């Protein structure tokens, strides 16, 4: 049986995607960059630094550095998480199930560490996680597998003993590249490809995951 579960964060544990979009529109809008929904979709899989660098290449600003803009987005997202952050369906239930199964639990996110810790505190689930890995702790964020490989190492398990939970194609690709089985929970507007980087299971919400899924996914490893 699996020995660990590793979760993505944004869009999977917390309904934060609208908060990121709002923060980026406000911060980059103040610099003269009006971000449409289609434009926001382009940067959605990126780390916060990559987003700032992307918009600087599109329309360079003068008053602040890229680092300043990145920090402003993170700060605004943090404010919105405190005031509007909502837990996604099934989070508490699946964490309880993982604990009953004796699995170690980790987080692997493209968000910065300060937001990862904030979200876990705000949702009241920090105690459940034995490892928290953010994109700023590794050289490259998702779709690079580094965050997942680092999380597995901190949990003291092999990657093939981990079950990853994701809500985006970029995250699924990262977890599969790390050698893990992957459960995809579709968030709004996300579709998953077939083939090499397809998830091993697809659910509507985390509430649907049960012991039978765990057994079936483990058995299918062979």
N, C-alpha and C. Protein backbone atom coordinates (compact mmCIF):
# COMPACT_ATOMS: atom_id res chain seq x y z
N UNK A 1 0.85 -1.20 0.00
CA UNK A 1 0.00 0.00 0.00
C UNK A 1 0.89 1.25 0.00
N UNK A 2 0.32 2.35 -0.47
CA UNK A 2 1.04 3.62 -0.44
C UNK A 2 1.45 3.94 0.99
N UNK A 3 2.54 4.69 1.12
CA UNK A 3 3.00 5.12 2.43
C UNK A 3 2.80 6.62 2.66
N UNK A 4 2.46 7.36 1.58
CA UNK A 4 2.32 8.81 1.73
C UNK A 4 1.36 9.36 0.69
N UNK A 5 0.73 10.48 1.04
CA UNK A 5 -0.09 11.25 0.11
C UNK A 5 0.50 12.65 0.06
N UNK A 6 0.64 13.19 -1.16
CA UNK A 6 1.18 14.53 -1.33
C UNK A 6 0.16 15.36 -2.10
N UNK A 7 -0.21 16.50 -1.53
CA UNK A 7 -1.27 17.33 -2.09
C UNK A 7 -0.73 18.63 -2.70
N UNK A 8 -1.31 19.00 -3.82
CA UNK A 8 -1.19 20.36 -4.32
C UNK A 8 -2.00 21.26 -3.37
N UNK A 9 -1.92 22.57 -3.55
CA UNK A 9 -2.63 23.45 -2.63
C UNK A 9 -3.70 24.29 -3.33
N UNK A 10 -3.27 25.22 -4.19
CA UNK A 10 -4.21 26.17 -4.82
C UNK A 10 -5.19 25.44 -5.73
N UNK A 11 -6.48 25.64 -5.46
CA UNK A 11 -7.51 25.01 -6.26
C UNK A 11 -7.85 23.60 -5.81
N UNK A 12 -7.04 23.02 -4.94
CA UNK A 12 -7.29 21.66 -4.45
C UNK A 12 -7.68 21.68 -2.97
N UNK A 13 -6.88 22.34 -2.15
CA UNK A 13 -7.20 22.46 -0.72
C UNK A 13 -7.97 23.73 -0.42
N UNK A 14 -7.69 24.78 -1.17
CA UNK A 14 -8.33 26.08 -0.94
C UNK A 14 -8.77 26.68 -2.27
N UNK A 15 -9.92 27.33 -2.25
CA UNK A 15 -10.44 27.96 -3.46
C UNK A 15 -9.74 29.31 -3.66
N UNK A 16 -8.48 29.23 -4.05
CA UNK A 16 -7.65 30.44 -4.12
C UNK A 16 -7.42 30.96 -5.52
N UNK A 17 -7.80 30.22 -6.56
CA UNK A 17 -7.55 30.69 -7.91
C UNK A 17 -8.19 32.05 -8.18
N UNK A 18 -9.45 32.30 -7.76
CA UNK A 18 -10.02 33.63 -7.96
C UNK A 18 -9.26 34.72 -7.18
N UNK A 19 -8.69 34.35 -6.06
CA UNK A 19 -7.94 35.32 -5.26
C UNK A 19 -6.64 35.71 -5.97
N UNK A 20 -5.97 34.72 -6.57
CA UNK A 20 -4.76 35.02 -7.35
C UNK A 20 -5.08 35.94 -8.52
N UNK A 21 -6.15 35.64 -9.22
CA UNK A 21 -6.52 36.47 -10.37
C UNK A 21 -6.81 37.90 -9.94
N UNK A 22 -7.54 38.05 -8.84
CA UNK A 22 -7.86 39.40 -8.36
C UNK A 22 -6.61 40.15 -7.96
N UNK A 23 -5.72 39.49 -7.22
CA UNK A 23 -4.49 40.14 -6.77
C UNK A 23 -3.62 40.56 -7.95
N UNK A 24 -3.49 39.68 -8.94
CA UNK A 24 -2.65 40.01 -10.09
C UNK A 24 -3.25 41.15 -10.90
N UNK A 25 -4.57 41.16 -11.04
CA UNK A 25 -5.21 42.26 -11.76
C UNK A 25 -4.98 43.59 -11.05
N UNK A 26 -5.10 43.57 -9.73
CA UNK A 26 -4.92 44.81 -8.97
C UNK A 26 -3.48 45.31 -9.05
N UNK A 27 -2.52 44.41 -8.80
CA UNK A 27 -1.11 44.82 -8.73
C UNK A 27 -0.58 45.22 -10.10
N UNK A 28 -0.80 44.37 -11.10
CA UNK A 28 -0.28 44.69 -12.43
C UNK A 28 -1.12 45.76 -13.12
N UNK A 29 -2.40 45.84 -12.77
CA UNK A 29 -3.24 46.91 -13.29
C UNK A 29 -2.73 48.27 -12.87
N UNK A 30 -2.22 48.36 -11.64
CA UNK A 30 -1.65 49.63 -11.16
C UNK A 30 -0.41 50.03 -11.94
N UNK A 31 0.22 49.03 -12.61
CA UNK A 31 1.40 49.31 -13.44
C UNK A 31 1.03 49.48 -14.90
N UNK A 32 -0.28 49.53 -15.18
CA UNK A 32 -0.73 49.76 -16.54
C UNK A 32 -0.97 48.51 -17.37
N UNK A 33 -1.00 47.34 -16.73
CA UNK A 33 -1.21 46.09 -17.45
C UNK A 33 -2.59 45.56 -17.08
N UNK A 34 -3.52 45.62 -18.03
CA UNK A 34 -4.87 45.14 -17.79
C UNK A 34 -4.94 43.66 -18.18
N UNK A 35 -5.20 42.80 -17.22
CA UNK A 35 -5.16 41.36 -17.42
C UNK A 35 -6.58 40.81 -17.62
N UNK A 36 -6.83 40.26 -18.80
CA UNK A 36 -8.11 39.64 -19.10
C UNK A 36 -8.12 38.20 -18.57
N UNK A 37 -9.29 37.57 -18.63
CA UNK A 37 -9.38 36.16 -18.22
C UNK A 37 -8.46 35.29 -19.05
N UNK A 38 -8.43 35.54 -20.36
CA UNK A 38 -7.58 34.74 -21.25
C UNK A 38 -6.11 34.93 -20.91
N UNK A 39 -5.72 36.15 -20.59
CA UNK A 39 -4.33 36.42 -20.21
C UNK A 39 -3.98 35.75 -18.89
N UNK A 40 -4.93 35.73 -17.97
CA UNK A 40 -4.69 35.10 -16.66
C UNK A 40 -4.50 33.60 -16.81
N UNK A 41 -5.17 32.99 -17.78
CA UNK A 41 -5.02 31.55 -17.99
C UNK A 41 -3.60 31.21 -18.42
N UNK A 42 -2.96 32.10 -19.14
CA UNK A 42 -1.59 31.86 -19.62
C UNK A 42 -0.63 31.73 -18.44
N UNK A 43 -0.80 32.56 -17.43
CA UNK A 43 0.14 32.59 -16.31
C UNK A 43 -0.29 31.71 -15.14
N UNK A 44 -1.49 31.13 -15.19
CA UNK A 44 -2.00 30.33 -14.07
C UNK A 44 -1.06 29.23 -13.61
N UNK A 45 -0.37 28.50 -14.52
CA UNK A 45 0.50 27.43 -14.04
C UNK A 45 1.85 27.90 -13.51
N UNK A 46 2.14 29.19 -13.63
CA UNK A 46 3.47 29.70 -13.31
C UNK A 46 3.65 29.96 -11.82
N UNK A 47 4.90 30.02 -11.38
CA UNK A 47 5.20 30.50 -10.03
C UNK A 47 5.00 32.01 -10.00
N UNK A 48 4.94 32.58 -8.80
CA UNK A 48 4.73 34.02 -8.68
C UNK A 48 5.85 34.81 -9.35
N UNK A 49 7.08 34.37 -9.20
CA UNK A 49 8.20 35.04 -9.85
C UNK A 49 8.07 34.96 -11.37
N UNK A 50 7.70 33.81 -11.89
CA UNK A 50 7.55 33.66 -13.33
C UNK A 50 6.44 34.56 -13.86
N UNK A 51 5.37 34.74 -13.08
CA UNK A 51 4.29 35.64 -13.50
C UNK A 51 4.79 37.07 -13.61
N UNK A 52 5.52 37.52 -12.59
CA UNK A 52 6.05 38.89 -12.61
C UNK A 52 7.02 39.08 -13.77
N UNK A 53 7.86 38.11 -14.01
CA UNK A 53 8.81 38.21 -15.12
C UNK A 53 8.09 38.21 -16.47
N UNK A 54 7.02 37.41 -16.55
CA UNK A 54 6.25 37.35 -17.79
C UNK A 54 5.64 38.71 -18.14
N UNK A 55 4.97 39.34 -17.16
CA UNK A 55 4.32 40.61 -17.44
C UNK A 55 5.33 41.74 -17.63
N UNK A 56 6.49 41.61 -17.03
CA UNK A 56 7.54 42.61 -17.28
C UNK A 56 8.02 42.54 -18.73
N UNK A 57 8.13 41.31 -19.25
CA UNK A 57 8.53 41.17 -20.65
C UNK A 57 7.46 41.72 -21.59
N UNK A 58 6.19 41.54 -21.22
CA UNK A 58 5.09 42.02 -22.06
C UNK A 58 5.04 43.54 -22.06
N UNK A 59 5.14 44.13 -20.88
CA UNK A 59 5.08 45.59 -20.78
C UNK A 59 5.91 46.05 -19.57
N UNK A 60 7.17 46.34 -19.80
CA UNK A 60 8.06 46.72 -18.68
C UNK A 60 7.55 47.96 -17.93
N UNK A 61 7.72 47.93 -16.62
CA UNK A 61 7.38 49.08 -15.78
C UNK A 61 8.67 49.65 -15.21
N UNK A 62 8.58 50.85 -14.66
CA UNK A 62 9.79 51.53 -14.19
C UNK A 62 9.84 51.73 -12.69
N UNK A 63 8.69 51.97 -12.10
CA UNK A 63 8.68 52.43 -10.70
C UNK A 63 9.17 51.38 -9.71
N UNK A 64 8.89 50.11 -9.98
CA UNK A 64 9.23 49.05 -9.04
C UNK A 64 10.01 47.95 -9.72
N UNK A 65 10.73 47.16 -8.91
CA UNK A 65 11.47 46.02 -9.45
C UNK A 65 10.52 44.84 -9.64
N UNK A 66 10.98 43.83 -10.36
CA UNK A 66 10.21 42.60 -10.50
C UNK A 66 9.96 41.98 -9.13
N UNK A 67 10.98 42.02 -8.27
CA UNK A 67 10.84 41.48 -6.92
C UNK A 67 9.78 42.22 -6.13
N UNK A 68 9.71 43.54 -6.30
CA UNK A 68 8.70 44.34 -5.60
C UNK A 68 7.30 43.96 -6.04
N UNK A 69 7.14 43.75 -7.34
CA UNK A 69 5.82 43.40 -7.87
C UNK A 69 5.41 42.00 -7.41
N UNK A 70 6.36 41.10 -7.41
CA UNK A 70 6.09 39.75 -6.92
C UNK A 70 5.64 39.80 -5.46
N UNK A 71 6.36 40.57 -4.65
CA UNK A 71 6.03 40.69 -3.23
C UNK A 71 4.66 41.32 -3.03
N UNK A 72 4.31 42.27 -3.88
CA UNK A 72 3.01 42.93 -3.77
C UNK A 72 1.88 41.95 -4.07
N UNK A 73 2.07 41.09 -5.06
CA UNK A 73 1.05 40.09 -5.39
C UNK A 73 0.89 39.12 -4.22
N UNK A 74 2.00 38.63 -3.70
CA UNK A 74 1.95 37.67 -2.59
C UNK A 74 1.26 38.29 -1.37
N UNK A 75 1.59 39.54 -1.08
CA UNK A 75 0.98 40.22 0.06
C UNK A 75 -0.53 40.38 -0.12
N UNK A 76 -0.93 40.73 -1.35
CA UNK A 76 -2.37 40.90 -1.62
C UNK A 76 -3.10 39.57 -1.55
N UNK A 77 -2.50 38.50 -2.08
CA UNK A 77 -3.11 37.18 -2.00
C UNK A 77 -3.26 36.77 -0.53
N UNK A 78 -2.25 37.05 0.28
CA UNK A 78 -2.31 36.72 1.70
C UNK A 78 -3.49 37.42 2.37
N UNK A 79 -3.69 38.70 2.05
CA UNK A 79 -4.82 39.44 2.62
C UNK A 79 -6.15 38.80 2.22
N UNK A 80 -6.24 38.42 0.94
CA UNK A 80 -7.48 37.83 0.45
C UNK A 80 -7.73 36.46 1.04
N UNK A 81 -6.67 35.69 1.26
CA UNK A 81 -6.82 34.38 1.90
C UNK A 81 -7.38 34.54 3.31
N UNK A 82 -6.86 35.52 4.03
CA UNK A 82 -7.34 35.75 5.41
C UNK A 82 -8.80 36.15 5.44
N UNK A 83 -9.24 36.91 4.45
CA UNK A 83 -10.61 37.43 4.47
C UNK A 83 -11.60 36.60 3.68
N UNK A 84 -11.12 35.86 2.65
CA UNK A 84 -12.04 35.18 1.76
C UNK A 84 -11.69 33.72 1.50
N UNK A 85 -10.59 33.23 2.03
CA UNK A 85 -10.16 31.86 1.74
C UNK A 85 -11.16 30.83 2.21
N UNK A 86 -11.53 29.92 1.31
CA UNK A 86 -12.52 28.89 1.63
C UNK A 86 -11.94 27.51 1.35
N UNK A 87 -12.13 26.60 2.28
CA UNK A 87 -11.64 25.23 2.11
C UNK A 87 -12.44 24.53 1.03
N UNK A 88 -11.79 23.69 0.24
CA UNK A 88 -12.47 22.94 -0.81
C UNK A 88 -13.17 21.72 -0.21
N UNK A 89 -14.22 21.24 -0.88
CA UNK A 89 -14.97 20.08 -0.35
C UNK A 89 -14.08 18.84 -0.21
N UNK A 90 -14.20 18.19 0.93
CA UNK A 90 -13.53 16.92 1.15
C UNK A 90 -12.14 16.99 1.73
N UNK A 91 -11.62 18.18 1.98
CA UNK A 91 -10.24 18.30 2.47
C UNK A 91 -10.08 17.62 3.83
N UNK A 92 -10.92 17.97 4.77
CA UNK A 92 -10.79 17.39 6.11
C UNK A 92 -11.04 15.88 6.09
N UNK A 93 -11.99 15.46 5.27
CA UNK A 93 -12.32 14.04 5.19
C UNK A 93 -11.15 13.22 4.63
N UNK A 94 -10.50 13.73 3.58
CA UNK A 94 -9.42 12.94 2.98
C UNK A 94 -8.18 12.94 3.87
N UNK A 95 -7.95 14.02 4.60
CA UNK A 95 -6.83 14.03 5.54
C UNK A 95 -7.07 13.03 6.66
N UNK A 96 -8.30 12.93 7.12
CA UNK A 96 -8.63 11.92 8.14
C UNK A 96 -8.43 10.51 7.60
N UNK A 97 -8.83 10.28 6.35
CA UNK A 97 -8.66 8.96 5.74
C UNK A 97 -7.18 8.60 5.62
N UNK A 98 -6.38 9.56 5.17
CA UNK A 98 -4.93 9.33 5.04
C UNK A 98 -4.33 8.96 6.39
N UNK A 99 -4.76 9.64 7.44
CA UNK A 99 -4.26 9.34 8.78
C UNK A 99 -4.66 7.94 9.21
N UNK A 100 -5.89 7.54 8.91
CA UNK A 100 -6.37 6.21 9.27
C UNK A 100 -5.59 5.12 8.52
N UNK A 101 -5.19 5.44 7.30
CA UNK A 101 -4.42 4.49 6.49
C UNK A 101 -2.95 4.43 6.92
N UNK A 102 -2.56 5.34 7.80
CA UNK A 102 -1.19 5.37 8.28
C UNK A 102 -0.23 6.06 7.32
N UNK A 103 -0.77 6.85 6.39
CA UNK A 103 0.06 7.54 5.42
C UNK A 103 0.66 8.80 6.01
N UNK A 104 1.89 9.09 5.62
CA UNK A 104 2.46 10.40 5.89
C UNK A 104 1.89 11.37 4.87
N UNK A 105 1.82 12.64 5.22
CA UNK A 105 1.13 13.62 4.37
C UNK A 105 2.04 14.80 4.08
N UNK A 106 2.11 15.18 2.80
CA UNK A 106 2.94 16.30 2.39
C UNK A 106 2.19 17.27 1.50
N UNK A 107 2.78 18.44 1.33
CA UNK A 107 2.25 19.47 0.44
C UNK A 107 3.34 19.80 -0.58
N UNK A 108 2.94 19.92 -1.85
CA UNK A 108 3.88 20.30 -2.91
C UNK A 108 3.19 21.36 -3.77
N UNK A 109 3.64 22.60 -3.64
CA UNK A 109 2.92 23.71 -4.26
C UNK A 109 3.85 24.65 -5.02
N UNK A 110 3.31 25.28 -6.06
CA UNK A 110 4.04 26.32 -6.79
C UNK A 110 3.95 27.66 -6.08
N UNK A 111 3.14 27.75 -5.04
CA UNK A 111 3.04 29.00 -4.28
C UNK A 111 4.26 29.16 -3.38
N UNK A 112 4.58 30.41 -2.98
CA UNK A 112 5.70 30.62 -2.06
C UNK A 112 5.42 30.06 -0.68
N UNK A 113 6.48 29.78 0.06
CA UNK A 113 6.37 29.14 1.36
C UNK A 113 5.48 29.92 2.32
N UNK A 114 5.57 31.25 2.29
CA UNK A 114 4.79 32.06 3.22
C UNK A 114 3.29 31.83 3.02
N UNK A 115 2.86 31.64 1.78
CA UNK A 115 1.44 31.40 1.53
C UNK A 115 1.04 29.97 1.85
N UNK A 116 1.94 29.03 1.63
CA UNK A 116 1.65 27.63 2.00
C UNK A 116 1.38 27.53 3.50
N UNK A 117 2.24 28.12 4.29
CA UNK A 117 2.07 28.07 5.74
C UNK A 117 0.81 28.81 6.17
N UNK A 118 0.54 29.94 5.52
CA UNK A 118 -0.66 30.72 5.85
C UNK A 118 -1.92 29.92 5.57
N UNK A 119 -2.00 29.29 4.40
CA UNK A 119 -3.19 28.52 4.04
C UNK A 119 -3.42 27.38 5.02
N UNK A 120 -2.37 26.64 5.35
CA UNK A 120 -2.54 25.52 6.28
C UNK A 120 -3.02 26.00 7.65
N UNK A 121 -2.52 27.15 8.08
CA UNK A 121 -2.98 27.71 9.36
C UNK A 121 -4.44 28.16 9.27
N UNK A 122 -4.76 28.91 8.22
CA UNK A 122 -6.11 29.45 8.09
C UNK A 122 -7.16 28.35 7.96
N UNK A 123 -6.79 27.25 7.31
CA UNK A 123 -7.74 26.14 7.15
C UNK A 123 -7.74 25.21 8.37
N UNK A 124 -6.82 25.43 9.29
CA UNK A 124 -6.76 24.62 10.50
C UNK A 124 -6.27 23.20 10.26
N UNK A 125 -5.41 23.01 9.25
CA UNK A 125 -4.96 21.66 8.91
C UNK A 125 -3.44 21.53 8.97
N UNK A 126 -2.74 22.53 9.48
CA UNK A 126 -1.27 22.47 9.50
C UNK A 126 -0.75 21.25 10.23
N UNK A 127 -1.45 20.84 11.28
CA UNK A 127 -1.01 19.70 12.09
C UNK A 127 -0.96 18.39 11.30
N UNK A 128 -1.70 18.32 10.19
CA UNK A 128 -1.79 17.07 9.43
C UNK A 128 -0.60 16.83 8.52
N UNK A 129 0.21 17.86 8.27
CA UNK A 129 1.27 17.77 7.27
C UNK A 129 2.64 17.59 7.91
N UNK A 130 3.34 16.56 7.45
CA UNK A 130 4.70 16.30 7.93
C UNK A 130 5.77 16.93 7.04
N UNK A 131 5.38 17.39 5.86
CA UNK A 131 6.33 18.05 4.95
C UNK A 131 5.57 19.08 4.12
N UNK A 132 6.18 20.26 3.98
CA UNK A 132 5.60 21.33 3.16
C UNK A 132 6.70 21.84 2.24
N UNK A 133 6.50 21.66 0.92
CA UNK A 133 7.50 22.08 -0.06
C UNK A 133 6.85 23.07 -1.02
N UNK A 134 7.47 24.22 -1.15
CA UNK A 134 6.99 25.26 -2.05
C UNK A 134 8.00 25.48 -3.17
N UNK A 135 7.58 26.19 -4.20
CA UNK A 135 8.44 26.38 -5.37
C UNK A 135 9.71 27.14 -5.04
N UNK A 136 9.68 27.98 -4.00
CA UNK A 136 10.88 28.75 -3.68
C UNK A 136 11.90 27.93 -2.89
N UNK A 137 11.61 26.66 -2.65
CA UNK A 137 12.57 25.78 -1.98
C UNK A 137 13.31 24.88 -2.96
N UNK A 138 12.93 24.95 -4.23
CA UNK A 138 13.58 24.13 -5.26
C UNK A 138 13.99 25.02 -6.42
N UNK A 139 14.80 24.45 -7.32
CA UNK A 139 15.31 25.25 -8.44
C UNK A 139 14.22 25.59 -9.44
N UNK A 140 13.30 24.67 -9.69
CA UNK A 140 12.23 24.89 -10.67
C UNK A 140 10.90 24.39 -10.13
N UNK A 141 9.84 25.17 -10.38
CA UNK A 141 8.51 24.75 -9.97
C UNK A 141 7.89 23.79 -10.97
N UNK A 142 6.66 23.40 -10.70
CA UNK A 142 5.93 22.53 -11.62
C UNK A 142 5.84 23.20 -13.00
N UNK A 143 5.95 22.45 -14.09
CA UNK A 143 5.83 21.00 -14.24
C UNK A 143 7.10 20.20 -13.94
N UNK A 144 8.17 20.86 -13.51
CA UNK A 144 9.35 20.13 -13.05
C UNK A 144 8.94 19.29 -11.83
N UNK A 145 9.43 18.07 -11.70
CA UNK A 145 9.03 17.21 -10.58
C UNK A 145 9.71 17.53 -9.26
N UNK A 146 10.56 18.56 -9.21
CA UNK A 146 11.41 18.80 -8.03
C UNK A 146 10.62 18.94 -6.73
N UNK A 147 9.47 19.64 -6.76
CA UNK A 147 8.72 19.84 -5.51
C UNK A 147 8.20 18.50 -4.98
N UNK A 148 7.81 17.62 -5.88
CA UNK A 148 7.31 16.31 -5.45
C UNK A 148 8.44 15.42 -4.95
N UNK A 149 9.55 15.44 -5.65
CA UNK A 149 10.68 14.61 -5.22
C UNK A 149 11.21 15.07 -3.87
N UNK A 150 11.26 16.38 -3.64
CA UNK A 150 11.73 16.92 -2.38
C UNK A 150 10.76 16.56 -1.25
N UNK A 151 9.46 16.65 -1.54
CA UNK A 151 8.46 16.30 -0.52
C UNK A 151 8.58 14.83 -0.12
N UNK A 152 8.76 13.95 -1.11
CA UNK A 152 8.92 12.52 -0.81
C UNK A 152 10.15 12.29 0.05
N UNK A 153 11.22 12.99 -0.28
CA UNK A 153 12.46 12.83 0.49
C UNK A 153 12.25 13.29 1.93
N UNK A 154 11.57 14.40 2.14
CA UNK A 154 11.31 14.88 3.50
C UNK A 154 10.41 13.93 4.27
N UNK A 155 9.50 13.27 3.55
CA UNK A 155 8.59 12.32 4.20
C UNK A 155 9.27 10.98 4.48
N UNK A 156 10.43 10.76 3.88
CA UNK A 156 11.16 9.52 4.10
C UNK A 156 10.59 8.34 3.36
N UNK A 157 9.99 8.60 2.18
CA UNK A 157 9.41 7.52 1.37
C UNK A 157 9.91 7.63 -0.06
N UNK A 158 9.82 6.53 -0.79
CA UNK A 158 10.18 6.54 -2.20
C UNK A 158 9.06 7.22 -3.01
N UNK A 159 9.37 7.87 -4.12
CA UNK A 159 8.32 8.48 -4.94
C UNK A 159 7.24 7.51 -5.37
N UNK A 160 7.63 6.25 -5.67
CA UNK A 160 6.61 5.29 -6.13
C UNK A 160 5.73 4.77 -5.00
N UNK A 161 6.02 5.21 -3.77
CA UNK A 161 5.17 4.88 -2.63
C UNK A 161 4.21 6.02 -2.29
N UNK A 162 4.22 7.07 -3.14
CA UNK A 162 3.40 8.26 -2.89
C UNK A 162 2.22 8.34 -3.85
N UNK A 163 1.09 8.78 -3.34
CA UNK A 163 -0.07 9.09 -4.16
C UNK A 163 -0.24 10.61 -4.16
N UNK A 164 -0.20 11.20 -5.34
CA UNK A 164 -0.30 12.66 -5.46
C UNK A 164 -1.73 13.06 -5.83
N UNK A 165 -2.16 14.19 -5.29
CA UNK A 165 -3.47 14.75 -5.60
C UNK A 165 -3.27 16.12 -6.24
N UNK A 166 -3.85 16.31 -7.42
CA UNK A 166 -3.64 17.52 -8.20
C UNK A 166 -4.94 18.02 -8.82
N UNK A 167 -4.93 19.30 -9.21
CA UNK A 167 -6.11 19.84 -9.89
C UNK A 167 -5.76 20.48 -11.22
N UNK A 168 -4.51 20.36 -11.68
CA UNK A 168 -4.12 20.99 -12.93
C UNK A 168 -3.26 20.05 -13.76
N UNK A 169 -3.30 20.19 -15.09
CA UNK A 169 -2.44 19.38 -15.95
C UNK A 169 -0.95 19.58 -15.65
N UNK A 170 -0.57 20.80 -15.31
CA UNK A 170 0.82 21.08 -14.98
C UNK A 170 1.26 20.28 -13.75
N UNK A 171 0.40 20.25 -12.73
CA UNK A 171 0.71 19.51 -11.53
C UNK A 171 0.73 18.01 -11.75
N UNK A 172 -0.22 17.52 -12.56
CA UNK A 172 -0.25 16.09 -12.88
C UNK A 172 1.04 15.69 -13.58
N UNK A 173 1.48 16.52 -14.50
CA UNK A 173 2.72 16.24 -15.22
C UNK A 173 3.91 16.17 -14.27
N UNK A 174 3.96 17.10 -13.31
CA UNK A 174 5.06 17.12 -12.35
C UNK A 174 5.07 15.85 -11.50
N UNK A 175 3.90 15.46 -10.99
CA UNK A 175 3.82 14.29 -10.12
C UNK A 175 4.13 13.00 -10.89
N UNK A 176 3.65 12.92 -12.12
CA UNK A 176 3.94 11.73 -12.92
C UNK A 176 5.43 11.66 -13.26
N UNK A 177 6.02 12.81 -13.55
CA UNK A 177 7.46 12.83 -13.84
C UNK A 177 8.28 12.41 -12.63
N UNK A 178 7.70 12.60 -11.43
CA UNK A 178 8.38 12.19 -10.20
C UNK A 178 8.22 10.69 -9.95
N UNK A 179 7.39 10.03 -10.74
CA UNK A 179 7.20 8.58 -10.59
C UNK A 179 6.07 8.22 -9.65
N UNK A 180 5.12 9.13 -9.45
CA UNK A 180 4.01 8.89 -8.52
C UNK A 180 2.73 8.56 -9.26
N UNK A 181 1.82 7.87 -8.59
CA UNK A 181 0.45 7.73 -9.07
C UNK A 181 -0.26 9.03 -8.76
N UNK A 182 -1.18 9.45 -9.64
CA UNK A 182 -1.79 10.77 -9.51
C UNK A 182 -3.30 10.71 -9.62
N UNK A 183 -3.97 11.33 -8.67
CA UNK A 183 -5.42 11.53 -8.69
C UNK A 183 -5.69 12.98 -9.05
N UNK A 184 -6.47 13.20 -10.10
CA UNK A 184 -6.80 14.55 -10.52
C UNK A 184 -8.21 14.92 -10.08
N UNK A 185 -8.32 16.08 -9.47
CA UNK A 185 -9.63 16.64 -9.10
C UNK A 185 -9.79 17.91 -9.92
N UNK A 186 -10.66 17.87 -10.90
CA UNK A 186 -10.76 18.97 -11.86
C UNK A 186 -11.23 20.25 -11.20
N UNK A 187 -10.48 21.32 -11.42
CA UNK A 187 -10.94 22.65 -11.02
C UNK A 187 -11.55 23.32 -12.25
N UNK A 188 -12.17 24.47 -12.06
CA UNK A 188 -12.89 25.13 -13.14
C UNK A 188 -12.00 25.38 -14.34
N UNK A 189 -12.47 24.95 -15.50
CA UNK A 189 -11.77 25.23 -16.74
C UNK A 189 -10.59 24.33 -17.05
N UNK A 190 -10.29 23.38 -16.17
CA UNK A 190 -9.13 22.51 -16.38
C UNK A 190 -9.55 21.20 -17.06
N UNK A 191 -8.78 20.81 -18.04
CA UNK A 191 -8.96 19.51 -18.68
C UNK A 191 -7.63 18.78 -18.66
N UNK A 192 -7.68 17.46 -18.62
CA UNK A 192 -6.46 16.67 -18.51
C UNK A 192 -6.25 15.85 -19.77
N UNK A 193 -5.01 15.80 -20.25
CA UNK A 193 -4.73 15.06 -21.48
C UNK A 193 -4.73 13.55 -21.23
N UNK A 194 -4.82 12.81 -22.31
CA UNK A 194 -4.60 11.37 -22.23
C UNK A 194 -3.12 11.11 -22.50
N UNK A 195 -2.72 9.85 -22.34
CA UNK A 195 -1.34 9.51 -22.68
C UNK A 195 -0.39 9.58 -21.52
N UNK A 196 0.85 9.91 -21.82
CA UNK A 196 1.95 9.83 -20.86
C UNK A 196 1.72 10.65 -19.61
N UNK A 197 1.07 11.82 -19.74
CA UNK A 197 0.90 12.69 -18.59
C UNK A 197 -0.55 12.80 -18.14
N UNK A 198 -1.30 11.76 -18.40
CA UNK A 198 -2.69 11.70 -17.91
C UNK A 198 -2.71 11.27 -16.45
N UNK A 199 -3.67 11.75 -15.67
CA UNK A 199 -3.80 11.25 -14.29
C UNK A 199 -4.23 9.80 -14.28
N UNK A 200 -3.92 9.10 -13.21
CA UNK A 200 -4.29 7.69 -13.09
C UNK A 200 -5.74 7.53 -12.64
N UNK A 201 -6.31 8.57 -12.05
CA UNK A 201 -7.72 8.57 -11.65
C UNK A 201 -8.22 10.01 -11.70
N UNK A 202 -9.51 10.16 -11.99
CA UNK A 202 -10.12 11.49 -12.07
C UNK A 202 -11.36 11.52 -11.19
N UNK A 203 -11.45 12.55 -10.34
CA UNK A 203 -12.58 12.69 -9.43
C UNK A 203 -13.18 14.08 -9.57
N UNK A 204 -14.45 14.20 -9.16
CA UNK A 204 -15.09 15.51 -9.17
C UNK A 204 -14.68 16.35 -7.99
N UNK A 205 -14.56 15.73 -6.81
CA UNK A 205 -14.10 16.40 -5.59
C UNK A 205 -13.31 15.41 -4.76
N UNK A 206 -12.60 15.91 -3.77
CA UNK A 206 -11.86 15.04 -2.86
C UNK A 206 -12.80 14.15 -2.04
N UNK A 207 -14.05 14.57 -1.90
CA UNK A 207 -15.02 13.78 -1.15
C UNK A 207 -15.23 12.40 -1.74
N UNK A 208 -14.97 12.25 -3.04
CA UNK A 208 -15.21 10.99 -3.72
C UNK A 208 -14.13 9.94 -3.44
N UNK A 209 -12.98 10.37 -2.96
CA UNK A 209 -11.87 9.43 -2.77
C UNK A 209 -12.11 8.55 -1.55
N UNK A 210 -11.90 7.25 -1.75
CA UNK A 210 -12.10 6.32 -0.64
C UNK A 210 -11.04 5.24 -0.61
N UNK A 211 -11.19 4.33 0.34
CA UNK A 211 -10.23 3.25 0.53
C UNK A 211 -10.12 2.38 -0.72
N UNK A 212 -11.23 2.19 -1.43
CA UNK A 212 -11.21 1.38 -2.65
C UNK A 212 -10.32 2.01 -3.72
N UNK A 213 -10.36 3.34 -3.82
CA UNK A 213 -9.49 4.02 -4.78
C UNK A 213 -8.02 3.76 -4.44
N UNK A 214 -7.71 3.87 -3.16
CA UNK A 214 -6.32 3.68 -2.72
C UNK A 214 -5.84 2.27 -3.08
N UNK A 215 -6.67 1.28 -2.80
CA UNK A 215 -6.30 -0.10 -3.08
C UNK A 215 -6.14 -0.34 -4.58
N UNK A 216 -7.08 0.19 -5.36
CA UNK A 216 -7.03 0.00 -6.80
C UNK A 216 -5.83 0.66 -7.45
N UNK A 217 -5.50 1.87 -7.02
CA UNK A 217 -4.36 2.58 -7.58
C UNK A 217 -3.05 1.90 -7.20
N UNK A 218 -3.00 1.36 -6.00
CA UNK A 218 -1.78 0.64 -5.58
C UNK A 218 -1.63 -0.64 -6.39
N UNK A 219 -2.71 -1.37 -6.55
CA UNK A 219 -2.66 -2.63 -7.28
C UNK A 219 -2.27 -2.41 -8.74
N UNK A 220 -2.68 -1.25 -9.31
CA UNK A 220 -2.41 -0.96 -10.71
C UNK A 220 -0.97 -0.57 -10.99
N UNK A 221 -0.19 -0.36 -9.93
CA UNK A 221 1.20 0.04 -10.14
C UNK A 221 1.97 -1.00 -10.95
N UNK A 222 1.64 -2.28 -10.76
CA UNK A 222 2.37 -3.34 -11.45
C UNK A 222 2.13 -3.28 -12.96
